[in-house]
Amino acid sequence: MDVPRNIWRRTLRPLSDFGFGRRSVWEGGVGLFLVSGTVLLALSLAWLRGFQLRSKFRKYLAVFEFSQACGICTGTPVRIRGVTVGNVIRVNPSLKSIEAVVEVEDEKTVIPQNALVEVNQSGLLMETLIDITPRDPIPTPTVGPLDPECVREGLIMCDRQKMKGHQGVSLDELVGIVTRLGREMEGIGITNSYLLAERVSSVIEEARPLLTKIQAMAEDVQPLLAEVRDSGLLKEVESLTRSLTQASEDLRRVHSSVMTPENSEMIQKSVYSLIFTLKNIENISSDVLGFTGDEVTRRNLKSLIKSLSRLL
C-alpha cells in the first residue's frame, strides 16, 4: 500500500514546484474527463449521422404507371404482401396516364419484374394503397436495384425503372356502378321496377308446384338409377363401346393396309379397262343390231340355231 502512495507523492512533488497542488491536479483531472467525454459524444453523433446518411443513400426509386390516380397522392403507402416498404414521393399526371414515383426504403427490398402492381382502396375510410404481389416463379437476383448490372439481368425493378400498374378495389368504380344502376332504374321507372319484382315473385310461386313435382320425380328415378348402377348394364354398355371402338380401329387398319398407293393405281387402271370394254361392247351391239335388222336374216339364223341344236 505504501508503494503507490510513494509513487503518487514523487509524481506530485515536481508539480508542486510549479504551483500545482493536490487540489489543482484533481480539478484538472475532472476537466480532462469532461472534455474527453464531450469529444467522444461528438464523435458518436457524427458516426450515427454518417450511418443515417449512408442508409438514406441506399434507397432507390420506382415508377408505377396507372390509367387513373384513384386517390394516389404524396405519402401514399406502398406495400409488398401487406408490409409497408415505401411511399409515394411524387405524382406526375398527364393526359394519357399518371406516374407515381415511389421511394423504397431499403435496396434489399426488391420488386420482381413479374409482380402484380395494383392500387386499392381498403379500410373503413377507404385509404388508398399501392399493393405489390410477387408471382411465381419468384426470381433470385444476384445484384441489387442500385447495381449497374441490374438492367442487364432483368429480374427485378432497377432504380428509376417504370412498371405498368392496374386498378384494383376502387370506391370510385363502385360509386360509378351504383350511379349507373340508379339511372337505369330511373329510366325504367320505380313503379315498373316494383311491378317487375311482383311478376318475378308470382312466377316463382307458380313454379313452386312444378319444382315439387320435379323433386318427387327425382326421388322416384333415384332407385331406378341405383338399380341400373348396381346391375351389369353399365358394364355391358361399356364393353360394347369398347368392342365398337376396337372394330373401328380394325376397319381403319384394314383400310390403311388395302388402300395403298399401288392398289389405288391398279383399281384406277381396272376401271379404265372396264370403261374401254363397255365402249367396245356398245359398238359391237350396234353392229349386230344393224346386221340382224332384216326379217329374213333373223328367220334364217333361228332355223340355223334349231338345226344345230338337233344335231348336237
C-alpha atoms as a PDB file:
ATOM      1  CA  MET A   1       0.000   0.000   0.000  1.00  0.00           C
ATOM      2  CA  ASP A   2       2.987   2.325   0.579  1.00  0.00           C
ATOM      3  CA  VAL A   3       4.432   1.843  -2.922  1.00  0.00           C
ATOM      4  CA  PRO A   4       1.584   3.540  -4.885  1.00  0.00           C
ATOM      5  CA  ARG A   5       1.449   6.294  -2.301  1.00  0.00           C
ATOM      6  CA  ASN A   6       5.177   6.970  -2.654  1.00  0.00           C
ATOM      7  CA  ILE A   7       4.874   6.985  -6.467  1.00  0.00           C
ATOM      8  CA  TRP A   8       1.994   9.452  -6.264  1.00  0.00           C
ATOM      9  CA  ARG A   9       3.945  11.743  -3.921  1.00  0.00           C
ATOM     10  CA  ARG A  10       7.024  11.673  -6.138  1.00  0.00           C
ATOM     11  CA  THR A  11       4.872  12.486  -9.175  1.00  0.00           C
ATOM     12  CA  LEU A  12       3.219  15.470  -7.447  1.00  0.00           C
ATOM     13  CA  ARG A  13       6.449  16.822  -5.979  1.00  0.00           C
ATOM     14  CA  PRO A  14       7.729  18.303  -9.305  1.00  0.00           C
ATOM     15  CA  LEU A  15       4.282  19.773  -9.979  1.00  0.00           C
ATOM     16  CA  SER A  16       4.251  21.429  -6.565  1.00  0.00           C
ATOM     17  CA  ASP A  17       7.404  23.237  -7.537  1.00  0.00           C
ATOM     18  CA  PHE A  18       5.406  24.936 -10.299  1.00  0.00           C
ATOM     19  CA  GLY A  19       2.449  25.849  -8.074  1.00  0.00           C
ATOM     20  CA  PHE A  20       0.246  22.741  -8.696  1.00  0.00           C
ATOM     21  CA  GLY A  21      -1.179  21.305  -5.544  1.00  0.00           C
ATOM     22  CA  ARG A  22      -3.280  18.226  -4.942  1.00  0.00           C
ATOM     23  CA  ARG A  23      -6.486  20.202  -5.419  1.00  0.00           C
ATOM     24  CA  SER A  24      -5.333  21.604  -8.742  1.00  0.00           C
ATOM     25  CA  VAL A  25      -4.489  18.125 -10.024  1.00  0.00           C
ATOM     26  CA  TRP A  26      -7.929  16.787  -9.083  1.00  0.00           C
ATOM     27  CA  GLU A  27      -9.646  19.726 -10.787  1.00  0.00           C
ATOM     28  CA  GLY A  28      -7.536  19.228 -13.891  1.00  0.00           C
ATOM     29  CA  GLY A  29      -8.420  15.522 -13.998  1.00  0.00           C
ATOM     30  CA  VAL A  30     -12.127  16.285 -13.764  1.00  0.00           C
ATOM     31  CA  GLY A  31     -11.847  18.865 -16.538  1.00  0.00           C
ATOM     32  CA  LEU A  32      -9.912  16.453 -18.731  1.00  0.00           C
ATOM     33  CA  PHE A  33     -12.588  13.807 -18.150  1.00  0.00           C
ATOM     34  CA  LEU A  34     -15.362  16.206 -19.159  1.00  0.00           C
ATOM     35  CA  VAL A  35     -13.500  17.329 -22.290  1.00  0.00           C
ATOM     36  CA  SER A  36     -12.757  13.759 -23.373  1.00  0.00           C
ATOM     37  CA  GLY A  37     -16.391  12.763 -22.747  1.00  0.00           C
ATOM     38  CA  THR A  38     -17.622  15.689 -24.856  1.00  0.00           C
ATOM     39  CA  VAL A  39     -15.257  14.747 -27.699  1.00  0.00           C
ATOM     40  CA  LEU A  40     -16.352  11.115 -27.540  1.00  0.00           C
ATOM     41  CA  LEU A  41     -20.037  12.132 -27.644  1.00  0.00           C
ATOM     42  CA  ALA A  42     -19.405  14.370 -30.672  1.00  0.00           C
ATOM     43  CA  LEU A  43     -17.631  11.543 -32.482  1.00  0.00           C
ATOM     44  CA  SER A  44     -20.527   9.168 -31.702  1.00  0.00           C
ATOM     45  CA  LEU A  45     -23.089  11.644 -33.046  1.00  0.00           C
ATOM     46  CA  ALA A  46     -21.025  12.163 -36.188  1.00  0.00           C
ATOM     47  CA  TRP A  47     -20.825   8.386 -36.738  1.00  0.00           C
ATOM     48  CA  LEU A  48     -24.577   7.972 -36.301  1.00  0.00           C
ATOM     49  CA  ARG A  49     -25.225  10.844 -38.680  1.00  0.00           C
ATOM     50  CA  GLY A  50     -22.952   9.284 -41.276  1.00  0.00           C
ATOM     51  CA  PHE A  51     -24.723   5.935 -40.857  1.00  0.00           C
ATOM     52  CA  GLN A  52     -28.087   7.614 -41.413  1.00  0.00           C
ATOM     53  CA  LEU A  53     -26.759   9.366 -44.489  1.00  0.00           C
ATOM     54  CA  ARG A  54     -25.444   6.088 -45.867  1.00  0.00           C
ATOM     55  CA  SER A  55     -28.794   4.437 -45.166  1.00  0.00           C
ATOM     56  CA  LYS A  56     -30.559   7.289 -46.913  1.00  0.00           C
ATOM     57  CA  PHE A  57     -28.341   6.943 -49.943  1.00  0.00           C
ATOM     58  CA  ARG A  58     -29.169   3.196 -50.190  1.00  0.00           C
ATOM     59  CA  LYS A  59     -32.802   3.886 -51.069  1.00  0.00           C
ATOM     60  CA  TYR A  60     -33.989   3.602 -54.636  1.00  0.00           C
ATOM     61  CA  LEU A  61     -36.895   4.884 -56.724  1.00  0.00           C
ATOM     62  CA  ALA A  62     -39.512   3.024 -58.762  1.00  0.00           C
ATOM     63  CA  VAL A  63     -42.101   4.478 -61.135  1.00  0.00           C
ATOM     64  CA  PHE A  64     -45.567   2.921 -61.430  1.00  0.00           C
ATOM     65  CA  GLU A  65     -47.854   3.936 -64.294  1.00  0.00           C
ATOM     66  CA  PHE A  66     -51.654   3.857 -63.825  1.00  0.00           C
ATOM     67  CA  SER A  67     -54.535   4.790 -66.095  1.00  0.00           C
ATOM     68  CA  GLN A  68     -56.219   6.709 -63.226  1.00  0.00           C
ATOM     69  CA  ALA A  69     -54.970   8.144 -59.959  1.00  0.00           C
ATOM     70  CA  CYS A  70     -57.689   6.516 -57.791  1.00  0.00           C
ATOM     71  CA  GLY A  71     -56.652   8.652 -54.812  1.00  0.00           C
ATOM     72  CA  ILE A  72     -52.869   8.314 -55.191  1.00  0.00           C
ATOM     73  CA  CYS A  73     -51.050  11.324 -53.725  1.00  0.00           C
ATOM     74  CA  THR A  74     -47.787  12.171 -51.999  1.00  0.00           C
ATOM     75  CA  GLY A  75     -47.360   9.921 -48.987  1.00  0.00           C
ATOM     76  CA  THR A  76     -49.478   7.010 -50.249  1.00  0.00           C
ATOM     77  CA  PRO A  77     -48.064   3.812 -48.678  1.00  0.00           C
ATOM     78  CA  VAL A  78     -46.557   1.096 -50.858  1.00  0.00           C
ATOM     79  CA  ARG A  79     -46.848  -2.475 -49.590  1.00  0.00           C
ATOM     80  CA  ILE A  80     -45.432  -5.859 -50.555  1.00  0.00           C
ATOM     81  CA  ARG A  81     -47.691  -8.663 -49.297  1.00  0.00           C
ATOM     82  CA  GLY A  82     -49.220  -6.280 -46.745  1.00  0.00           C
ATOM     83  CA  VAL A  83     -45.915  -4.915 -45.366  1.00  0.00           C
ATOM     84  CA  THR A  84     -45.152  -1.226 -45.950  1.00  0.00           C
ATOM     85  CA  VAL A  85     -41.826  -0.850 -47.760  1.00  0.00           C
ATOM     86  CA  GLY A  86     -42.030   2.746 -49.019  1.00  0.00           C
ATOM     87  CA  ASN A  87     -44.306   5.565 -50.052  1.00  0.00           C
ATOM     88  CA  VAL A  88     -45.126   7.838 -52.955  1.00  0.00           C
ATOM     89  CA  ILE A  89     -42.972  10.975 -53.091  1.00  0.00           C
ATOM     90  CA  ARG A  90     -44.306  12.490 -56.310  1.00  0.00           C
ATOM     91  CA  VAL A  91     -47.199  12.116 -58.757  1.00  0.00           C
ATOM     92  CA  ASN A  92     -46.695  13.087 -62.408  1.00  0.00           C
ATOM     93  CA  PRO A  93     -50.067  13.461 -64.185  1.00  0.00           C
ATOM     94  CA  SER A  94     -50.513  13.522 -67.966  1.00  0.00           C
ATOM     95  CA  LEU A  95     -53.332  13.270 -70.490  1.00  0.00           C
ATOM     96  CA  LYS A  96     -52.545   9.599 -71.142  1.00  0.00           C
ATOM     97  CA  SER A  97     -51.843   8.285 -67.639  1.00  0.00           C
ATOM     98  CA  ILE A  98     -50.347   9.149 -64.259  1.00  0.00           C
ATOM     99  CA  GLU A  99     -46.945   8.172 -62.914  1.00  0.00           C
ATOM    100  CA  ALA A 100     -46.434   7.533 -59.205  1.00  0.00           C
ATOM    101  CA  VAL A 101     -42.799   7.903 -58.171  1.00  0.00           C
ATOM    102  CA  VAL A 102     -42.205   5.554 -55.227  1.00  0.00           C
ATOM    103  CA  GLU A 103     -39.285   5.598 -52.798  1.00  0.00           C
ATOM    104  CA  VAL A 104     -38.393   2.153 -51.440  1.00  0.00           C
ATOM    105  CA  GLU A 105     -36.764   2.399 -48.015  1.00  0.00           C
ATOM    106  CA  ASP A 106     -34.181  -0.371 -48.429  1.00  0.00           C
ATOM    107  CA  GLU A 107     -32.388  -1.645 -51.500  1.00  0.00           C
ATOM    108  CA  LYS A 108     -32.673  -5.162 -50.113  1.00  0.00           C
ATOM    109  CA  THR A 109     -36.426  -4.944 -50.699  1.00  0.00           C
ATOM    110  CA  VAL A 110     -36.664  -5.892 -54.371  1.00  0.00           C
ATOM    111  CA  ILE A 111     -39.678  -5.800 -56.696  1.00  0.00           C
ATOM    112  CA  PRO A 112     -39.825  -8.656 -59.249  1.00  0.00           C
ATOM    113  CA  GLN A 113     -40.456  -7.793 -62.873  1.00  0.00           C
ATOM    114  CA  ASN A 114     -43.428 -10.214 -62.992  1.00  0.00           C
ATOM    115  CA  ALA A 115     -45.096  -8.760 -59.877  1.00  0.00           C
ATOM    116  CA  LEU A 116     -48.715  -7.573 -59.905  1.00  0.00           C
ATOM    117  CA  VAL A 117     -49.000  -3.882 -59.003  1.00  0.00           C
ATOM    118  CA  GLU A 118     -52.491  -2.682 -58.012  1.00  0.00           C
ATOM    119  CA  VAL A 119     -53.917   0.478 -56.477  1.00  0.00           C
ATOM    120  CA  ASN A 120     -56.552  -0.468 -53.893  1.00  0.00           C
ATOM    121  CA  GLN A 121     -58.808   1.384 -51.501  1.00  0.00           C
ATOM    122  CA  SER A 122     -59.328  -0.547 -48.274  1.00  0.00           C
ATOM    123  CA  GLY A 123     -60.398   0.017 -44.721  1.00  0.00           C
ATOM    124  CA  LEU A 124     -63.316   1.909 -43.215  1.00  0.00           C
ATOM    125  CA  LEU A 125     -62.011   5.214 -44.551  1.00  0.00           C
ATOM    126  CA  MET A 126     -61.081   3.686 -47.934  1.00  0.00           C
ATOM    127  CA  GLU A 127     -57.390   4.533 -47.632  1.00  0.00           C
ATOM    128  CA  THR A 128     -55.530   4.382 -50.936  1.00  0.00           C
ATOM    129  CA  LEU A 129     -52.695   1.858 -51.054  1.00  0.00           C
ATOM    130  CA  ILE A 130     -50.354   0.522 -53.720  1.00  0.00           C
ATOM    131  CA  ASP A 131     -50.101  -3.239 -53.270  1.00  0.00           C
ATOM    132  CA  ILE A 132     -47.320  -5.294 -54.884  1.00  0.00           C
ATOM    133  CA  THR A 133     -47.889  -9.057 -55.124  1.00  0.00           C
ATOM    134  CA  PRO A 134     -44.945 -11.177 -56.343  1.00  0.00           C
ATOM    135  CA  ARG A 135     -45.975 -14.022 -58.643  1.00  0.00           C
ATOM    136  CA  ASP A 136     -44.408 -17.357 -59.478  1.00  0.00           C
ATOM    137  CA  PRO A 137     -41.706 -18.020 -60.405  1.00  0.00           C
ATOM    138  CA  ILE A 138     -40.038 -15.969 -57.661  1.00  0.00           C
ATOM    139  CA  PRO A 139     -36.748 -14.587 -59.067  1.00  0.00           C
ATOM    140  CA  THR A 140     -33.397 -14.986 -57.332  1.00  0.00           C
ATOM    141  CA  PRO A 141     -31.354 -11.934 -58.393  1.00  0.00           C
ATOM    142  CA  THR A 142     -27.626 -11.785 -57.886  1.00  0.00           C
ATOM    143  CA  VAL A 143     -27.400  -7.968 -57.905  1.00  0.00           C
ATOM    144  CA  GLY A 144     -29.420  -5.212 -56.235  1.00  0.00           C
ATOM    145  CA  PRO A 145     -31.552  -2.480 -57.803  1.00  0.00           C
ATOM    146  CA  LEU A 146     -28.733   0.085 -57.494  1.00  0.00           C
ATOM    147  CA  ASP A 147     -26.176  -2.157 -59.188  1.00  0.00           C
ATOM    148  CA  PRO A 148     -25.164  -1.191 -62.777  1.00  0.00           C
ATOM    149  CA  GLU A 149     -25.732  -4.802 -63.882  1.00  0.00           C
ATOM    150  CA  CYS A 150     -29.363  -4.796 -62.687  1.00  0.00           C
ATOM    151  CA  VAL A 151     -30.848  -3.803 -66.055  1.00  0.00           C
ATOM    152  CA  ARG A 152     -28.837  -6.458 -67.884  1.00  0.00           C
ATOM    153  CA  GLU A 153     -30.021  -9.184 -65.505  1.00  0.00           C
ATOM    154  CA  GLY A 154     -33.663  -8.122 -65.913  1.00  0.00           C
ATOM    155  CA  LEU A 155     -35.155  -9.997 -62.947  1.00  0.00           C
ATOM    156  CA  ILE A 156     -36.131  -7.120 -60.642  1.00  0.00           C
ATOM    157  CA  MET A 157     -37.043  -3.444 -60.928  1.00  0.00           C
ATOM    158  CA  CYS A 158     -33.952  -1.294 -61.041  1.00  0.00           C
ATOM    159  CA  ASP A 159     -33.532   2.255 -59.803  1.00  0.00           C
ATOM    160  CA  ARG A 160     -35.944   4.695 -61.557  1.00  0.00           C
ATOM    161  CA  GLN A 161     -37.356   1.920 -63.725  1.00  0.00           C
ATOM    162  CA  LYS A 162     -41.007   2.032 -64.833  1.00  0.00           C
ATOM    163  CA  MET A 163     -43.700  -0.642 -64.454  1.00  0.00           C
ATOM    164  CA  LYS A 164     -47.347  -0.805 -65.527  1.00  0.00           C
ATOM    165  CA  GLY A 165     -49.894  -0.844 -62.694  1.00  0.00           C
ATOM    166  CA  HIS A 166     -53.540  -1.906 -62.588  1.00  0.00           C
ATOM    167  CA  GLN A 167     -56.668  -0.715 -60.837  1.00  0.00           C
ATOM    168  CA  GLY A 168     -57.847  -2.973 -58.023  1.00  0.00           C
ATOM    169  CA  VAL A 169     -60.576  -2.348 -55.465  1.00  0.00           C
ATOM    170  CA  SER A 170     -61.842   1.181 -56.078  1.00  0.00           C
ATOM    171  CA  LEU A 171     -64.556   3.102 -54.270  1.00  0.00           C
ATOM    172  CA  ASP A 172     -64.917   5.420 -57.256  1.00  0.00           C
ATOM    173  CA  GLU A 173     -65.699   2.479 -59.520  1.00  0.00           C
ATOM    174  CA  LEU A 174     -68.268   1.147 -57.045  1.00  0.00           C
ATOM    175  CA  VAL A 175     -69.948   4.554 -56.855  1.00  0.00           C
ATOM    176  CA  GLY A 176     -69.991   4.703 -60.662  1.00  0.00           C
ATOM    177  CA  ILE A 177     -71.667   1.287 -60.911  1.00  0.00           C
ATOM    178  CA  VAL A 178     -74.307   2.216 -58.325  1.00  0.00           C
ATOM    179  CA  THR A 179     -74.924   5.507 -60.130  1.00  0.00           C
ATOM    180  CA  ARG A 180     -75.431   3.763 -63.473  1.00  0.00           C
ATOM    181  CA  LEU A 181     -77.819   1.276 -61.882  1.00  0.00           C
ATOM    182  CA  GLY A 182     -79.764   4.130 -60.317  1.00  0.00           C
ATOM    183  CA  ARG A 183     -80.031   5.905 -63.643  1.00  0.00           C
ATOM    184  CA  GLU A 184     -81.222   2.750 -65.367  1.00  0.00           C
ATOM    185  CA  MET A 185     -83.838   2.198 -62.685  1.00  0.00           C
ATOM    186  CA  GLU A 186     -84.895   5.800 -63.005  1.00  0.00           C
ATOM    187  CA  GLY A 187     -85.268   5.334 -66.758  1.00  0.00           C
ATOM    188  CA  ILE A 188     -87.350   2.197 -66.263  1.00  0.00           C
ATOM    189  CA  GLY A 189     -89.384   3.769 -63.527  1.00  0.00           C
ATOM    190  CA  ILE A 190     -89.761   2.868 -59.892  1.00  0.00           C
ATOM    191  CA  THR A 191     -93.328   1.660 -60.435  1.00  0.00           C
ATOM    192  CA  ASN A 192     -92.262  -0.606 -63.286  1.00  0.00           C
ATOM    193  CA  SER A 193     -89.439  -1.952 -61.151  1.00  0.00           C
ATOM    194  CA  TYR A 194     -91.889  -2.852 -58.393  1.00  0.00           C
ATOM    195  CA  LEU A 195     -94.228  -4.444 -60.938  1.00  0.00           C
ATOM    196  CA  LEU A 196     -91.335  -6.454 -62.363  1.00  0.00           C
ATOM    197  CA  ALA A 197     -90.407  -7.639 -58.871  1.00  0.00           C
ATOM    198  CA  GLU A 198     -94.015  -8.673 -58.220  1.00  0.00           C
ATOM    199  CA  ARG A 199     -94.155 -10.573 -61.509  1.00  0.00           C
ATOM    200  CA  VAL A 200     -90.954 -12.386 -60.688  1.00  0.00           C
ATOM    201  CA  SER A 201     -92.363 -13.289 -57.282  1.00  0.00           C
ATOM    202  CA  SER A 202     -95.617 -14.586 -58.846  1.00  0.00           C
ATOM    203  CA  VAL A 203     -93.670 -16.655 -61.391  1.00  0.00           C
ATOM    204  CA  ILE A 204     -91.671 -18.188 -58.558  1.00  0.00           C
ATOM    205  CA  GLU A 205     -94.886 -19.004 -56.687  1.00  0.00           C
ATOM    206  CA  GLU A 206     -96.393 -20.606 -59.802  1.00  0.00           C
ATOM    207  CA  ALA A 207     -93.252 -22.608 -60.419  1.00  0.00           C
ATOM    208  CA  ARG A 208     -93.124 -23.934 -56.864  1.00  0.00           C
ATOM    209  CA  PRO A 209     -95.595 -26.862 -57.513  1.00  0.00           C
ATOM    210  CA  LEU A 210     -93.642 -27.746 -60.639  1.00  0.00           C
ATOM    211  CA  LEU A 211     -90.461 -27.788 -58.619  1.00  0.00           C
ATOM    212  CA  THR A 212     -92.163 -30.034 -56.067  1.00  0.00           C
ATOM    213  CA  LYS A 213     -93.178 -32.458 -58.842  1.00  0.00           C
ATOM    214  CA  ILE A 214     -89.686 -32.428 -60.263  1.00  0.00           C
ATOM    215  CA  GLN A 215     -88.309 -33.240 -56.825  1.00  0.00           C
ATOM    216  CA  ALA A 216     -90.785 -36.147 -56.484  1.00  0.00           C
ATOM    217  CA  MET A 217     -89.815 -37.428 -59.951  1.00  0.00           C
ATOM    218  CA  ALA A 218     -86.172 -37.235 -58.979  1.00  0.00           C
ATOM    219  CA  GLU A 219     -86.877 -39.250 -55.855  1.00  0.00           C
ATOM    220  CA  ASP A 220     -88.742 -41.860 -57.972  1.00  0.00           C
ATOM    221  CA  VAL A 221     -85.973 -42.032 -60.557  1.00  0.00           C
ATOM    222  CA  GLN A 222     -83.228 -42.351 -57.966  1.00  0.00           C
ATOM    223  CA  PRO A 223     -83.989 -46.059 -57.116  1.00  0.00           C
ATOM    224  CA  LEU A 224     -84.078 -46.864 -60.849  1.00  0.00           C
ATOM    225  CA  LEU A 225     -80.720 -45.222 -61.332  1.00  0.00           C
ATOM    226  CA  ALA A 226     -79.369 -47.118 -58.348  1.00  0.00           C
ATOM    227  CA  GLU A 227     -80.664 -50.394 -59.829  1.00  0.00           C
ATOM    228  CA  VAL A 228     -79.108 -49.617 -63.188  1.00  0.00           C
ATOM    229  CA  ARG A 229     -75.859 -48.740 -61.476  1.00  0.00           C
ATOM    230  CA  ASP A 230     -75.877 -51.912 -59.415  1.00  0.00           C
ATOM    231  CA  SER A 231     -76.752 -54.130 -62.380  1.00  0.00           C
ATOM    232  CA  GLY A 232     -74.315 -55.081 -65.098  1.00  0.00           C
ATOM    233  CA  LEU A 233     -75.973 -52.919 -67.741  1.00  0.00           C
ATOM    234  CA  LEU A 234     -73.411 -50.173 -67.473  1.00  0.00           C
ATOM    235  CA  LYS A 235     -70.599 -52.687 -67.721  1.00  0.00           C
ATOM    236  CA  GLU A 236     -72.217 -54.283 -70.783  1.00  0.00           C
ATOM    237  CA  VAL A 237     -72.626 -50.880 -72.440  1.00  0.00           C
ATOM    238  CA  GLU A 238     -69.014 -50.117 -71.614  1.00  0.00           C
ATOM    239  CA  SER A 239     -67.834 -53.418 -73.094  1.00  0.00           C
ATOM    240  CA  LEU A 240     -69.995 -52.840 -76.210  1.00  0.00           C
ATOM    241  CA  THR A 241     -68.500 -49.396 -76.622  1.00  0.00           C
ATOM    242  CA  ARG A 242     -65.030 -50.844 -76.225  1.00  0.00           C
ATOM    243  CA  SER A 243     -65.807 -53.515 -78.854  1.00  0.00           C
ATOM    244  CA  LEU A 244     -67.117 -50.916 -81.288  1.00  0.00           C
ATOM    245  CA  THR A 245     -64.012 -48.849 -80.745  1.00  0.00           C
ATOM    246  CA  GLN A 246     -61.811 -51.894 -81.411  1.00  0.00           C
ATOM    247  CA  ALA A 247     -63.821 -52.722 -84.551  1.00  0.00           C
ATOM    248  CA  SER A 248     -63.445 -49.208 -85.877  1.00  0.00           C
ATOM    249  CA  GLU A 249     -59.713 -49.411 -85.228  1.00  0.00           C
ATOM    250  CA  ASP A 250     -59.569 -52.725 -87.138  1.00  0.00           C
ATOM    251  CA  LEU A 251     -61.511 -51.239 -90.059  1.00  0.00           C
ATOM    252  CA  ARG A 252     -59.185 -48.285 -90.097  1.00  0.00           C
ATOM    253  CA  ARG A 253     -56.152 -50.574 -90.168  1.00  0.00           C
ATOM    254  CA  VAL A 254     -57.695 -52.689 -92.960  1.00  0.00           C
ATOM    255  CA  HIS A 255     -58.461 -49.573 -94.939  1.00  0.00           C
ATOM    256  CA  SER A 256     -54.943 -48.270 -94.457  1.00  0.00           C
ATOM    257  CA  SER A 257     -53.439 -51.642 -95.493  1.00  0.00           C
ATOM    258  CA  VAL A 258     -55.698 -52.168 -98.550  1.00  0.00           C
ATOM    259  CA  MET A 259     -55.862 -48.663 -99.885  1.00  0.00           C
ATOM    260  CA  THR A 260     -52.190 -48.374-100.556  1.00  0.00           C
ATOM    261  CA  PRO A 261     -50.944 -46.193-103.443  1.00  0.00           C
ATOM    262  CA  GLU A 262     -50.147 -49.322-105.543  1.00  0.00           C
ATOM    263  CA  ASN A 263     -53.630 -50.823-105.025  1.00  0.00           C
ATOM    264  CA  SER A 264     -55.277 -47.490-105.763  1.00  0.00           C
ATOM    265  CA  GLU A 265     -53.342 -47.255-109.040  1.00  0.00           C
ATOM    266  CA  MET A 266     -54.326 -50.829-110.023  1.00  0.00           C
ATOM    267  CA  ILE A 267     -58.012 -50.138-109.268  1.00  0.00           C
ATOM    268  CA  GLN A 268     -57.841 -46.986-111.355  1.00  0.00           C
ATOM    269  CA  LYS A 269     -56.339 -48.917-114.304  1.00  0.00           C
ATOM    270  CA  SER A 270     -59.023 -51.628-113.965  1.00  0.00           C
ATOM    271  CA  VAL A 271     -61.758 -49.002-114.067  1.00  0.00           C
ATOM    272  CA  TYR A 272     -60.233 -47.510-117.226  1.00  0.00           C
ATOM    273  CA  SER A 273     -60.077 -51.012-118.848  1.00  0.00           C
ATOM    274  CA  LEU A 274     -63.726 -51.711-117.910  1.00  0.00           C
ATOM    275  CA  ILE A 275     -64.818 -48.408-119.444  1.00  0.00           C
ATOM    276  CA  PHE A 276     -62.932 -49.242-122.671  1.00  0.00           C
ATOM    277  CA  THR A 277     -64.510 -52.759-122.806  1.00  0.00           C
ATOM    278  CA  LEU A 278     -68.004 -51.358-122.317  1.00  0.00           C
ATOM    279  CA  LYS A 279     -67.434 -48.943-125.185  1.00  0.00           C
ATOM    280  CA  ASN A 280     -66.343 -51.851-127.436  1.00  0.00           C
ATOM    281  CA  ILE A 281     -69.408 -53.879-126.417  1.00  0.00           C
ATOM    282  CA  GLU A 282     -71.580 -50.925-127.267  1.00  0.00           C
ATOM    283  CA  ASN A 283     -70.025 -50.697-130.744  1.00  0.00           C
ATOM    284  CA  ILE A 284     -70.406 -54.469-131.325  1.00  0.00           C
ATOM    285  CA  SER A 285     -74.025 -54.359-130.173  1.00  0.00           C
ATOM    286  CA  SER A 286     -74.782 -51.613-132.677  1.00  0.00           C
ATOM    287  CA  ASP A 287     -73.126 -53.643-135.481  1.00  0.00           C
ATOM    288  CA  VAL A 288     -75.083 -56.813-134.569  1.00  0.00           C
ATOM    289  CA  LEU A 289     -78.285 -54.855-134.405  1.00  0.00           C
ATOM    290  CA  GLY A 290     -77.647 -53.495-137.878  1.00  0.00           C
ATOM    291  CA  PHE A 291     -76.834 -56.970-139.210  1.00  0.00           C
ATOM    292  CA  THR A 292     -79.935 -58.645-137.712  1.00  0.00           C
ATOM    293  CA  GLY A 293     -82.278 -55.861-138.598  1.00  0.00           C
ATOM    294  CA  ASP A 294     -83.573 -57.777-141.701  1.00  0.00           C
ATOM    295  CA  GLU A 295     -86.563 -60.127-141.069  1.00  0.00           C
ATOM    296  CA  VAL A 296     -85.377 -62.828-143.472  1.00  0.00           C
ATOM    297  CA  THR A 297     -81.934 -62.885-141.902  1.00  0.00           C
ATOM    298  CA  ARG A 298     -83.412 -63.329-138.436  1.00  0.00           C
ATOM    299  CA  ARG A 299     -85.542 -66.322-139.636  1.00  0.00           C
ATOM    300  CA  ASN A 300     -82.543 -67.945-141.269  1.00  0.00           C
ATOM    301  CA  LEU A 301     -80.487 -67.516-138.089  1.00  0.00           C
ATOM    302  CA  LYS A 302     -83.260 -69.058-135.971  1.00  0.00           C
ATOM    303  CA  SER A 303     -83.551 -72.076-138.287  1.00  0.00           C
ATOM    304  CA  LEU A 304     -79.778 -72.488-138.265  1.00  0.00           C
ATOM    305  CA  ILE A 305     -79.697 -72.425-134.460  1.00  0.00           C
ATOM    306  CA  LYS A 306     -82.500 -75.010-134.248  1.00  0.00           C
ATOM    307  CA  SER A 307     -80.758 -77.321-136.721  1.00  0.00           C
ATOM    308  CA  LEU A 308     -77.533 -77.105-134.753  1.00  0.00           C
ATOM    309  CA  SER A 309     -79.428 -77.842-131.561  1.00  0.00           C
ATOM    310  CA  ARG A 310     -80.987 -81.008-133.043  1.00  0.00           C
ATOM    311  CA  LEU A 311     -77.619 -82.066-134.423  1.00  0.00           C
ATOM    312  CA  LEU A 312     -75.987 -81.697-131.008  1.00  0.00           C
END
